[in-house]
Structures are given as C-alpha cells and as structure tokens.
mmCIF file of all heavy atoms, coordinates in Angstrom:
data_MODEL
# 
_entry.id   MODEL 
# 
loop_
_atom_site.group_PDB 
_atom_site.id 
_atom_site.type_symbol 
_atom_site.label_atom_id 
_atom_site.label_alt_id 
_atom_site.label_comp_id 
_atom_site.label_asym_id 
_atom_site.label_entity_id 
_atom_site.label_seq_id 
_atom_site.pdbx_PDB_ins_code 
_atom_site.Cartn_x 
_atom_site.Cartn_y 
_atom_site.Cartn_z 
_atom_site.occupancy 
_atom_site.B_iso_or_equiv 
_atom_site.pdbx_formal_charge 
_atom_site.auth_seq_id 
_atom_site.auth_comp_id 
_atom_site.auth_asym_id 
_atom_site.auth_atom_id 
_atom_site.pdbx_PDB_model_num 
ATOM 1   N N   . LEU A 1 1  ? 87.851  77.233  120.394 1.00 0.00 ? 1  LEU A N   1 
ATOM 2   C CA  . LEU A 1 1  ? 88.334  78.522  120.851 1.00 0.00 ? 1  LEU A CA  1 
ATOM 3   C C   . LEU A 1 1  ? 89.758  78.756  120.286 1.00 0.00 ? 1  LEU A C   1 
ATOM 4   O O   . LEU A 1 1  ? 90.061  79.877  119.903 1.00 0.00 ? 1  LEU A O   1 
ATOM 5   C CB  . LEU A 1 1  ? 88.332  78.644  122.423 1.00 0.00 ? 1  LEU A CB  1 
ATOM 6   C CG  . LEU A 1 1  ? 86.938  78.855  123.010 1.00 0.00 ? 1  LEU A CG  1 
ATOM 7   C CD1 . LEU A 1 1  ? 87.025  78.780  124.527 1.00 0.00 ? 1  LEU A CD1 1 
ATOM 8   C CD2 . LEU A 1 1  ? 86.362  80.195  122.523 1.00 0.00 ? 1  LEU A CD2 1 
ATOM 9   N N   . LEU A 1 2  ? 90.626  77.769  120.423 1.00 0.00 ? 2  LEU A N   1 
ATOM 10  C CA  . LEU A 1 2  ? 91.961  77.883  119.959 1.00 0.00 ? 2  LEU A CA  1 
ATOM 11  C C   . LEU A 1 2  ? 91.967  78.155  118.386 1.00 0.00 ? 2  LEU A C   1 
ATOM 12  O O   . LEU A 1 2  ? 92.737  79.014  117.965 1.00 0.00 ? 2  LEU A O   1 
ATOM 13  C CB  . LEU A 1 2  ? 92.806  76.630  120.241 1.00 0.00 ? 2  LEU A CB  1 
ATOM 14  C CG  . LEU A 1 2  ? 93.241  76.502  121.730 1.00 0.00 ? 2  LEU A CG  1 
ATOM 15  C CD1 . LEU A 1 2  ? 93.951  75.175  121.919 1.00 0.00 ? 2  LEU A CD1 1 
ATOM 16  C CD2 . LEU A 1 2  ? 94.114  77.662  122.162 1.00 0.00 ? 2  LEU A CD2 1 
ATOM 17  N N   . LEU A 1 3  ? 91.125  77.465  117.719 1.00 0.00 ? 3  LEU A N   1 
ATOM 18  C CA  . LEU A 1 3  ? 90.997  77.681  116.247 1.00 0.00 ? 3  LEU A CA  1 
ATOM 19  C C   . LEU A 1 3  ? 90.486  79.027  115.974 1.00 0.00 ? 3  LEU A C   1 
ATOM 20  O O   . LEU A 1 3  ? 90.987  79.744  115.036 1.00 0.00 ? 3  LEU A O   1 
ATOM 21  C CB  . LEU A 1 3  ? 90.084  76.611  115.693 1.00 0.00 ? 3  LEU A CB  1 
ATOM 22  C CG  . LEU A 1 3  ? 89.899  76.623  114.142 1.00 0.00 ? 3  LEU A CG  1 
ATOM 23  C CD1 . LEU A 1 3  ? 91.206  76.343  113.469 1.00 0.00 ? 3  LEU A CD1 1 
ATOM 24  C CD2 . LEU A 1 3  ? 88.880  75.615  113.739 1.00 0.00 ? 3  LEU A CD2 1 
ATOM 25  N N   . LEU A 1 4  ? 89.500  79.497  116.719 1.00 0.00 ? 4  LEU A N   1 
ATOM 26  C CA  . LEU A 1 4  ? 88.935  80.822  116.546 1.00 0.00 ? 4  LEU A CA  1 
ATOM 27  C C   . LEU A 1 4  ? 90.006  81.922  116.718 1.00 0.00 ? 4  LEU A C   1 
ATOM 28  O O   . LEU A 1 4  ? 90.165  82.836  115.923 1.00 0.00 ? 4  LEU A O   1 
ATOM 29  C CB  . LEU A 1 4  ? 87.759  81.038  117.483 1.00 0.00 ? 4  LEU A CB  1 
ATOM 30  C CG  . LEU A 1 4  ? 87.101  82.377  117.427 1.00 0.00 ? 4  LEU A CG  1 
ATOM 31  C CD1 . LEU A 1 4  ? 86.414  82.636  116.065 1.00 0.00 ? 4  LEU A CD1 1 
ATOM 32  C CD2 . LEU A 1 4  ? 86.088  82.534  118.535 1.00 0.00 ? 4  LEU A CD2 1 
ATOM 33  N N   . PHE A 1 5  ? 90.825  81.796  117.765 1.00 0.00 ? 5  PHE A N   1 
ATOM 34  C CA  . PHE A 1 5  ? 91.846  82.800  118.056 1.00 0.00 ? 5  PHE A CA  1 
ATOM 35  C C   . PHE A 1 5  ? 93.029  82.766  117.055 1.00 0.00 ? 5  PHE A C   1 
ATOM 36  O O   . PHE A 1 5  ? 93.648  83.772  116.794 1.00 0.00 ? 5  PHE A O   1 
ATOM 37  C CB  . PHE A 1 5  ? 92.436  82.677  119.475 1.00 0.00 ? 5  PHE A CB  1 
ATOM 38  C CG  . PHE A 1 5  ? 91.417  83.235  120.503 1.00 0.00 ? 5  PHE A CG  1 
ATOM 39  C CD1 . PHE A 1 5  ? 91.027  82.360  121.490 1.00 0.00 ? 5  PHE A CD1 1 
ATOM 40  C CD2 . PHE A 1 5  ? 91.042  84.517  120.504 1.00 0.00 ? 5  PHE A CD2 1 
ATOM 41  C CE1 . PHE A 1 5  ? 90.092  82.880  122.469 1.00 0.00 ? 5  PHE A CE1 1 
ATOM 42  C CE2 . PHE A 1 5  ? 90.204  84.995  121.455 1.00 0.00 ? 5  PHE A CE2 1 
ATOM 43  C CZ  . PHE A 1 5  ? 89.712  84.180  122.468 1.00 0.00 ? 5  PHE A CZ  1 
ATOM 44  N N   . SER A 1 6  ? 93.246  81.551  116.487 1.00 0.00 ? 6  SER A N   1 
ATOM 45  C CA  . SER A 1 6  ? 94.333  81.458  115.539 1.00 0.00 ? 6  SER A CA  1 
ATOM 46  C C   . SER A 1 6  ? 93.952  81.982  114.185 1.00 0.00 ? 6  SER A C   1 
ATOM 47  O O   . SER A 1 6  ? 94.716  82.321  113.358 1.00 0.00 ? 6  SER A O   1 
ATOM 48  C CB  . SER A 1 6  ? 94.832  80.039  115.479 1.00 0.00 ? 6  SER A CB  1 
ATOM 49  O OG  . SER A 1 6  ? 93.858  79.183  114.937 1.00 0.00 ? 6  SER A OG  1 
ATOM 50  N N   . VAL A 1 7  ? 92.638  82.087  113.848 1.00 0.00 ? 7  VAL A N   1 
ATOM 51  C CA  . VAL A 1 7  ? 92.131  82.521  112.587 1.00 0.00 ? 7  VAL A CA  1 
ATOM 52  C C   . VAL A 1 7  ? 91.934  84.021  112.562 1.00 0.00 ? 7  VAL A C   1 
ATOM 53  O O   . VAL A 1 7  ? 92.057  84.668  111.519 1.00 0.00 ? 7  VAL A O   1 
ATOM 54  C CB  . VAL A 1 7  ? 90.815  81.784  112.254 1.00 0.00 ? 7  VAL A CB  1 
ATOM 55  C CG1 . VAL A 1 7  ? 90.221  82.284  110.966 1.00 0.00 ? 7  VAL A CG1 1 
ATOM 56  C CG2 . VAL A 1 7  ? 91.140  80.264  112.045 1.00 0.00 ? 7  VAL A CG2 1 
ATOM 57  N N   . ILE A 1 8  ? 91.534  84.644  113.630 1.00 0.00 ? 8  ILE A N   1 
ATOM 58  C CA  . ILE A 1 8  ? 91.277  86.028  113.822 1.00 0.00 ? 8  ILE A CA  1 
ATOM 59  C C   . ILE A 1 8  ? 92.562  86.823  113.530 1.00 0.00 ? 8  ILE A C   1 
ATOM 60  O O   . ILE A 1 8  ? 93.541  86.581  114.175 1.00 0.00 ? 8  ILE A O   1 
ATOM 61  C CB  . ILE A 1 8  ? 90.641  86.429  115.088 1.00 0.00 ? 8  ILE A CB  1 
ATOM 62  C CG1 . ILE A 1 8  ? 89.298  85.754  115.281 1.00 0.00 ? 8  ILE A CG1 1 
ATOM 63  C CG2 . ILE A 1 8  ? 90.536  87.952  115.181 1.00 0.00 ? 8  ILE A CG2 1 
ATOM 64  C CD1 . ILE A 1 8  ? 88.634  86.020  116.580 1.00 0.00 ? 8  ILE A CD1 1 
ATOM 65  N N   . GLU A 1 9  ? 92.550  87.760  112.587 1.00 0.00 ? 9  GLU A N   1 
ATOM 66  C CA  . GLU A 1 9  ? 93.679  88.538  112.235 1.00 0.00 ? 9  GLU A CA  1 
ATOM 67  C C   . GLU A 1 9  ? 93.569  89.826  113.107 1.00 0.00 ? 9  GLU A C   1 
ATOM 68  O O   . GLU A 1 9  ? 92.517  90.522  113.078 1.00 0.00 ? 9  GLU A O   1 
ATOM 69  C CB  . GLU A 1 9  ? 93.693  88.962  110.840 1.00 0.00 ? 9  GLU A CB  1 
ATOM 70  C CG  . GLU A 1 9  ? 94.867  89.741  110.388 1.00 0.00 ? 9  GLU A CG  1 
ATOM 71  C CD  . GLU A 1 9  ? 94.908  89.988  108.894 1.00 0.00 ? 9  GLU A CD  1 
ATOM 72  O OE1 . GLU A 1 9  ? 94.234  89.314  108.150 1.00 0.00 ? 9  GLU A OE1 1 
ATOM 73  O OE2 . GLU A 1 9  ? 95.594  90.873  108.518 1.00 0.00 ? 9  GLU A OE2 1 
ATOM 74  N N   . ILE A 1 10 ? 94.599  90.103  113.886 1.00 0.00 ? 10 ILE A N   1 
ATOM 75  C CA  . ILE A 1 10 ? 94.589  91.243  114.757 1.00 0.00 ? 10 ILE A CA  1 
ATOM 76  C C   . ILE A 1 10 ? 95.452  92.275  114.097 1.00 0.00 ? 10 ILE A C   1 
ATOM 77  O O   . ILE A 1 10 ? 96.674  92.002  113.756 1.00 0.00 ? 10 ILE A O   1 
ATOM 78  C CB  . ILE A 1 10 ? 95.063  90.912  116.161 1.00 0.00 ? 10 ILE A CB  1 
ATOM 79  C CG1 . ILE A 1 10 ? 94.126  89.892  116.778 1.00 0.00 ? 10 ILE A CG1 1 
ATOM 80  C CG2 . ILE A 1 10 ? 95.127  92.147  116.980 1.00 0.00 ? 10 ILE A CG2 1 
ATOM 81  C CD1 . ILE A 1 10 ? 94.611  89.387  118.086 1.00 0.00 ? 10 ILE A CD1 1 
ATOM 82  N N   . LYS A 1 11 ? 94.953  93.521  113.889 1.00 0.00 ? 11 LYS A N   1 
ATOM 83  C CA  . LYS A 1 11 ? 95.775  94.573  113.292 1.00 0.00 ? 11 LYS A CA  1 
ATOM 84  C C   . LYS A 1 11 ? 95.840  95.662  114.264 1.00 0.00 ? 11 LYS A C   1 
ATOM 85  O O   . LYS A 1 11 ? 94.933  96.011  114.988 1.00 0.00 ? 11 LYS A O   1 
ATOM 86  C CB  . LYS A 1 11 ? 95.135  95.061  111.942 1.00 0.00 ? 11 LYS A CB  1 
ATOM 87  C CG  . LYS A 1 11 ? 95.092  94.072  110.919 1.00 0.00 ? 11 LYS A CG  1 
ATOM 88  C CD  . LYS A 1 11 ? 94.492  94.658  109.678 1.00 0.00 ? 11 LYS A CD  1 
ATOM 89  C CE  . LYS A 1 11 ? 94.537  93.672  108.507 1.00 0.00 ? 11 LYS A CE  1 
ATOM 90  N NZ  . LYS A 1 11 ? 94.008  94.234  107.275 1.00 0.00 ? 11 LYS A NZ  1 
ATOM 91  N N   . ALA A 1 12 ? 97.036  96.376  114.222 1.00 0.00 ? 12 ALA A N   1 
ATOM 92  C CA  . ALA A 1 12 ? 97.198  97.554  115.055 1.00 0.00 ? 12 ALA A CA  1 
ATOM 93  C C   . ALA A 1 12 ? 97.938  98.583  114.235 1.00 0.00 ? 12 ALA A C   1 
ATOM 94  O O   . ALA A 1 12 ? 98.786  98.152  113.423 1.00 0.00 ? 12 ALA A O   1 
ATOM 95  C CB  . ALA A 1 12 ? 97.989  97.175  116.327 1.00 0.00 ? 12 ALA A CB  1 
ATOM 96  N N   . GLN A 1 13 ? 97.677  99.791  114.456 1.00 0.00 ? 13 GLN A N   1 
ATOM 97  C CA  . GLN A 1 13 ? 98.382  100.806 113.762 1.00 0.00 ? 13 GLN A CA  1 
ATOM 98  C C   . GLN A 1 13 ? 99.027  101.718 114.787 1.00 0.00 ? 13 GLN A C   1 
ATOM 99  O O   . GLN A 1 13 ? 98.380  102.112 115.776 1.00 0.00 ? 13 GLN A O   1 
ATOM 100 C CB  . GLN A 1 13 ? 97.409  101.676 112.894 1.00 0.00 ? 13 GLN A CB  1 
ATOM 101 C CG  . GLN A 1 13 ? 98.055  102.749 112.131 1.00 0.00 ? 13 GLN A CG  1 
ATOM 102 C CD  . GLN A 1 13 ? 97.029  103.501 111.295 1.00 0.00 ? 13 GLN A CD  1 
ATOM 103 O OE1 . GLN A 1 13 ? 95.919  103.127 111.143 1.00 0.00 ? 13 GLN A OE1 1 
ATOM 104 N NE2 . GLN A 1 13 ? 97.517  104.560 110.707 1.00 0.00 ? 13 GLN A NE2 1 
ATOM 105 N N   . GLU A 1 14 ? 100.321 102.091 114.607 1.00 0.00 ? 14 GLU A N   1 
ATOM 106 C CA  . GLU A 1 14 ? 100.975 102.958 115.494 1.00 0.00 ? 14 GLU A CA  1 
ATOM 107 C C   . GLU A 1 14 ? 100.428 104.361 115.335 1.00 0.00 ? 14 GLU A C   1 
ATOM 108 O O   . GLU A 1 14 ? 99.909  104.762 114.278 1.00 0.00 ? 14 GLU A O   1 
ATOM 109 C CB  . GLU A 1 14 ? 102.474 102.955 115.259 1.00 0.00 ? 14 GLU A CB  1 
ATOM 110 C CG  . GLU A 1 14 ? 102.927 103.543 113.991 1.00 0.00 ? 14 GLU A CG  1 
ATOM 111 C CD  . GLU A 1 14 ? 104.462 103.454 113.828 1.00 0.00 ? 14 GLU A CD  1 
ATOM 112 O OE1 . GLU A 1 14 ? 104.953 102.391 113.897 1.00 0.00 ? 14 GLU A OE1 1 
ATOM 113 O OE2 . GLU A 1 14 ? 105.046 104.554 113.727 1.00 0.00 ? 14 GLU A OE2 1 
ATOM 114 N N   . ASN A 1 15 ? 100.561 105.180 116.357 1.00 0.00 ? 15 ASN A N   1 
ATOM 115 C CA  . ASN A 1 15 ? 100.117 106.543 116.322 1.00 0.00 ? 15 ASN A CA  1 
ATOM 116 C C   . ASN A 1 15 ? 100.941 107.275 115.306 1.00 0.00 ? 15 ASN A C   1 
ATOM 117 O O   . ASN A 1 15 ? 102.117 107.038 115.171 1.00 0.00 ? 15 ASN A O   1 
ATOM 118 C CB  . ASN A 1 15 ? 100.221 107.193 117.695 1.00 0.00 ? 15 ASN A CB  1 
ATOM 119 C CG  . ASN A 1 15 ? 99.227  106.642 118.698 1.00 0.00 ? 15 ASN A CG  1 
ATOM 120 O OD1 . ASN A 1 15 ? 98.157  106.206 118.340 1.00 0.00 ? 15 ASN A OD1 1 
ATOM 121 N ND2 . ASN A 1 15 ? 99.618  106.632 119.901 1.00 0.00 ? 15 ASN A ND2 1 
ATOM 122 N N   . PRO A 1 16 ? 100.334 108.255 114.626 1.00 0.00 ? 16 PRO A N   1 
ATOM 123 C CA  . PRO A 1 16 ? 101.139 109.048 113.718 1.00 0.00 ? 16 PRO A CA  1 
ATOM 124 C C   . PRO A 1 16 ? 102.173 109.830 114.392 1.00 0.00 ? 16 PRO A C   1 
ATOM 125 O O   . PRO A 1 16 ? 102.019 110.177 115.628 1.00 0.00 ? 16 PRO A O   1 
ATOM 126 C CB  . PRO A 1 16 ? 100.085 109.980 112.988 1.00 0.00 ? 16 PRO A CB  1 
ATOM 127 C CG  . PRO A 1 16 ? 98.959  110.002 113.968 1.00 0.00 ? 16 PRO A CG  1 
ATOM 128 C CD  . PRO A 1 16 ? 98.989  108.680 114.645 1.00 0.00 ? 16 PRO A CD  1 
ATOM 129 N N   . PRO A 1 17 ? 103.330 110.171 113.728 1.00 0.00 ? 17 PRO A N   1 
ATOM 130 C CA  . PRO A 1 17 ? 104.363 110.916 114.418 1.00 0.00 ? 17 PRO A CA  1 
ATOM 131 C C   . PRO A 1 17 ? 103.831 112.234 114.828 1.00 0.00 ? 17 PRO A C   1 
ATOM 132 O O   . PRO A 1 17 ? 103.014 112.862 114.220 1.00 0.00 ? 17 PRO A O   1 
ATOM 133 C CB  . PRO A 1 17 ? 105.430 111.060 113.358 1.00 0.00 ? 17 PRO A CB  1 
ATOM 134 C CG  . PRO A 1 17 ? 104.738 110.807 112.039 1.00 0.00 ? 17 PRO A CG  1 
ATOM 135 C CD  . PRO A 1 17 ? 103.598 109.886 112.325 1.00 0.00 ? 17 PRO A CD  1 
ATOM 136 N N   . VAL A 1 18 ? 104.356 112.659 116.016 1.00 0.00 ? 18 VAL A N   1 
ATOM 137 C CA  . VAL A 1 18 ? 103.902 113.997 116.574 1.00 0.00 ? 18 VAL A CA  1 
ATOM 138 C C   . VAL A 1 18 ? 104.559 115.016 115.736 1.00 0.00 ? 18 VAL A C   1 
ATOM 139 O O   . VAL A 1 18 ? 105.771 115.020 115.468 1.00 0.00 ? 18 VAL A O   1 
ATOM 140 C CB  . VAL A 1 18 ? 104.377 114.067 118.033 1.00 0.00 ? 18 VAL A CB  1 
ATOM 141 C CG1 . VAL A 1 18 ? 104.055 115.421 118.626 1.00 0.00 ? 18 VAL A CG1 1 
ATOM 142 C CG2 . VAL A 1 18 ? 103.772 112.944 118.887 1.00 0.00 ? 18 VAL A CG2 1 
ATOM 143 N N   . PRO A 1 19 ? 103.824 116.038 115.302 1.00 0.00 ? 19 PRO A N   1 
ATOM 144 C CA  . PRO A 1 19 ? 104.420 117.101 114.448 1.00 0.00 ? 19 PRO A CA  1 
ATOM 145 C C   . PRO A 1 19 ? 105.475 117.891 115.293 1.00 0.00 ? 19 PRO A C   1 
ATOM 146 O O   . PRO A 1 19 ? 105.255 118.124 116.474 1.00 0.00 ? 19 PRO A O   1 
ATOM 147 C CB  . PRO A 1 19 ? 103.218 117.915 114.046 1.00 0.00 ? 19 PRO A CB  1 
ATOM 148 C CG  . PRO A 1 19 ? 102.094 117.624 114.995 1.00 0.00 ? 19 PRO A CG  1 
ATOM 149 C CD  . PRO A 1 19 ? 102.392 116.240 115.510 1.00 0.00 ? 19 PRO A CD  1 
ATOM 150 N N   . VAL A 1 20 ? 106.526 118.102 114.638 1.00 0.00 ? 20 VAL A N   1 
ATOM 151 C CA  . VAL A 1 20 ? 107.669 118.874 115.364 1.00 0.00 ? 20 VAL A CA  1 
ATOM 152 C C   . VAL A 1 20 ? 107.382 120.364 115.154 1.00 0.00 ? 20 VAL A C   1 
ATOM 153 O O   . VAL A 1 20 ? 107.447 120.858 113.976 1.00 0.00 ? 20 VAL A O   1 
ATOM 154 C CB  . VAL A 1 20 ? 109.034 118.446 114.799 1.00 0.00 ? 20 VAL A CB  1 
ATOM 155 C CG1 . VAL A 1 20 ? 110.086 119.212 115.450 1.00 0.00 ? 20 VAL A CG1 1 
ATOM 156 C CG2 . VAL A 1 20 ? 109.273 116.963 115.031 1.00 0.00 ? 20 VAL A CG2 1 
ATOM 157 N N   . GLN A 1 21 ? 107.078 121.060 116.185 1.00 0.00 ? 21 GLN A N   1 
ATOM 158 C CA  . GLN A 1 21 ? 106.892 122.522 116.162 1.00 0.00 ? 21 GLN A CA  1 
ATOM 159 C C   . GLN A 1 21 ? 107.834 123.110 117.227 1.00 0.00 ? 21 GLN A C   1 
ATOM 160 O O   . GLN A 1 21 ? 107.890 122.596 118.336 1.00 0.00 ? 21 GLN A O   1 
ATOM 161 C CB  . GLN A 1 21 ? 105.462 122.878 116.438 1.00 0.00 ? 21 GLN A CB  1 
ATOM 162 C CG  . GLN A 1 21 ? 104.485 122.402 115.411 1.00 0.00 ? 21 GLN A CG  1 
ATOM 163 C CD  . GLN A 1 21 ? 103.093 122.791 115.698 1.00 0.00 ? 21 GLN A CD  1 
ATOM 164 O OE1 . GLN A 1 21 ? 102.787 123.167 116.779 1.00 0.00 ? 21 GLN A OE1 1 
ATOM 165 N NE2 . GLN A 1 21 ? 102.226 122.649 114.675 1.00 0.00 ? 21 GLN A NE2 1 
ATOM 166 N N   . VAL A 1 22 ? 108.585 124.117 116.805 1.00 0.00 ? 22 VAL A N   1 
ATOM 167 C CA  . VAL A 1 22 ? 109.499 124.789 117.737 1.00 0.00 ? 22 VAL A CA  1 
ATOM 168 C C   . VAL A 1 22 ? 109.063 126.264 117.829 1.00 0.00 ? 22 VAL A C   1 
ATOM 169 O O   . VAL A 1 22 ? 108.827 126.881 116.841 1.00 0.00 ? 22 VAL A O   1 
ATOM 170 C CB  . VAL A 1 22 ? 110.912 124.691 117.213 1.00 0.00 ? 22 VAL A CB  1 
ATOM 171 C CG1 . VAL A 1 22 ? 111.838 125.427 118.129 1.00 0.00 ? 22 VAL A CG1 1 
ATOM 172 C CG2 . VAL A 1 22 ? 111.350 123.218 117.206 1.00 0.00 ? 22 VAL A CG2 1 
ATOM 173 N N   . GLU A 1 23 ? 108.932 126.775 119.053 1.00 0.00 ? 23 GLU A N   1 
ATOM 174 C CA  . GLU A 1 23 ? 108.694 128.171 119.249 1.00 0.00 ? 23 GLU A CA  1 
ATOM 175 C C   . GLU A 1 23 ? 109.794 128.693 120.161 1.00 0.00 ? 23 GLU A C   1 
ATOM 176 O O   . GLU A 1 23 ? 110.138 128.060 121.213 1.00 0.00 ? 23 GLU A O   1 
ATOM 177 C CB  . GLU A 1 23 ? 107.300 128.354 119.953 1.00 0.00 ? 23 GLU A CB  1 
ATOM 178 C CG  . GLU A 1 23 ? 106.952 129.738 120.144 1.00 0.00 ? 23 GLU A CG  1 
ATOM 179 C CD  . GLU A 1 23 ? 105.621 129.972 120.849 1.00 0.00 ? 23 GLU A CD  1 
ATOM 180 O OE1 . GLU A 1 23 ? 104.820 128.937 120.910 1.00 0.00 ? 23 GLU A OE1 1 
ATOM 181 O OE2 . GLU A 1 23 ? 105.405 131.077 121.398 1.00 0.00 ? 23 GLU A OE2 1 
ATOM 182 N N   . VAL A 1 24 ? 110.319 129.873 119.833 1.00 0.00 ? 24 VAL A N   1 
ATOM 183 C CA  . VAL A 1 24 ? 111.344 130.483 120.581 1.00 0.00 ? 24 VAL A CA  1 
ATOM 184 C C   . VAL A 1 24 ? 110.906 131.802 120.998 1.00 0.00 ? 24 VAL A C   1 
ATOM 185 O O   . VAL A 1 24 ? 110.405 132.657 120.207 1.00 0.00 ? 24 VAL A O   1 
ATOM 186 C CB  . VAL A 1 24 ? 112.695 130.585 119.715 1.00 0.00 ? 24 VAL A CB  1 
ATOM 187 C CG1 . VAL A 1 24 ? 113.774 131.245 120.581 1.00 0.00 ? 24 VAL A CG1 1 
ATOM 188 C CG2 . VAL A 1 24 ? 113.111 129.194 119.310 1.00 0.00 ? 24 VAL A CG2 1 
ATOM 189 N N   . ARG A 1 25 ? 111.039 132.142 122.315 1.00 0.00 ? 25 ARG A N   1 
ATOM 190 C CA  . ARG A 1 25 ? 110.672 133.400 122.868 1.00 0.00 ? 25 ARG A CA  1 
ATOM 191 C C   . ARG A 1 25 ? 111.905 134.061 123.541 1.00 0.00 ? 25 ARG A C   1 
ATOM 192 O O   . ARG A 1 25 ? 112.563 133.388 124.302 1.00 0.00 ? 25 ARG A O   1 
ATOM 193 C CB  . ARG A 1 25 ? 109.533 133.322 123.888 1.00 0.00 ? 25 ARG A CB  1 
ATOM 194 C CG  . ARG A 1 25 ? 108.268 132.734 123.261 1.00 0.00 ? 25 ARG A CG  1 
ATOM 195 C CD  . ARG A 1 25 ? 107.200 132.650 124.346 1.00 0.00 ? 25 ARG A CD  1 
ATOM 196 N NE  . ARG A 1 25 ? 106.053 131.835 123.849 1.00 0.00 ? 25 ARG A NE  1 
ATOM 197 C CZ  . ARG A 1 25 ? 105.172 131.319 124.667 1.00 0.00 ? 25 ARG A CZ  1 
ATOM 198 N NH1 . ARG A 1 25 ? 105.208 131.441 125.932 1.00 0.00 ? 25 ARG A NH1 1 
ATOM 199 N NH2 . ARG A 1 25 ? 104.198 130.579 124.124 1.00 0.00 ? 25 ARG A NH2 1 
ATOM 200 N N   . THR A 1 26 ? 112.041 135.294 123.348 1.00 0.00 ? 26 THR A N   1 
ATOM 201 C CA  . THR A 1 26 ? 113.163 136.027 124.092 1.00 0.00 ? 26 THR A CA  1 
ATOM 202 C C   . THR A 1 26 ? 112.651 136.384 125.419 1.00 0.00 ? 26 THR A C   1 
ATOM 203 O O   . THR A 1 26 ? 111.604 137.058 125.599 1.00 0.00 ? 26 THR A O   1 
ATOM 204 C CB  . THR A 1 26 ? 113.519 137.295 123.287 1.00 0.00 ? 26 THR A CB  1 
ATOM 205 O OG1 . THR A 1 26 ? 113.899 136.952 122.001 1.00 0.00 ? 26 THR A OG1 1 
ATOM 206 C CG2 . THR A 1 26 ? 114.694 138.047 123.992 1.00 0.00 ? 26 THR A CG2 1 
# 
C-alpha cells in the first residue's frame, strides 16, 4: 500500500482566473 501510494502521481489544476468584468450604473 505504501509503495502504491508513493508511485501514484496526483495532479491538480487550479481554477482558471475569474474574468474581470465591471459594470457601472448611474
């Protein structure tokens, strides 16, 4: 089990950046 966990490659990807949108109302 230790060998199995040490061999498995775990990958993670961060969420893409949130698009910046600005709206202005009078």
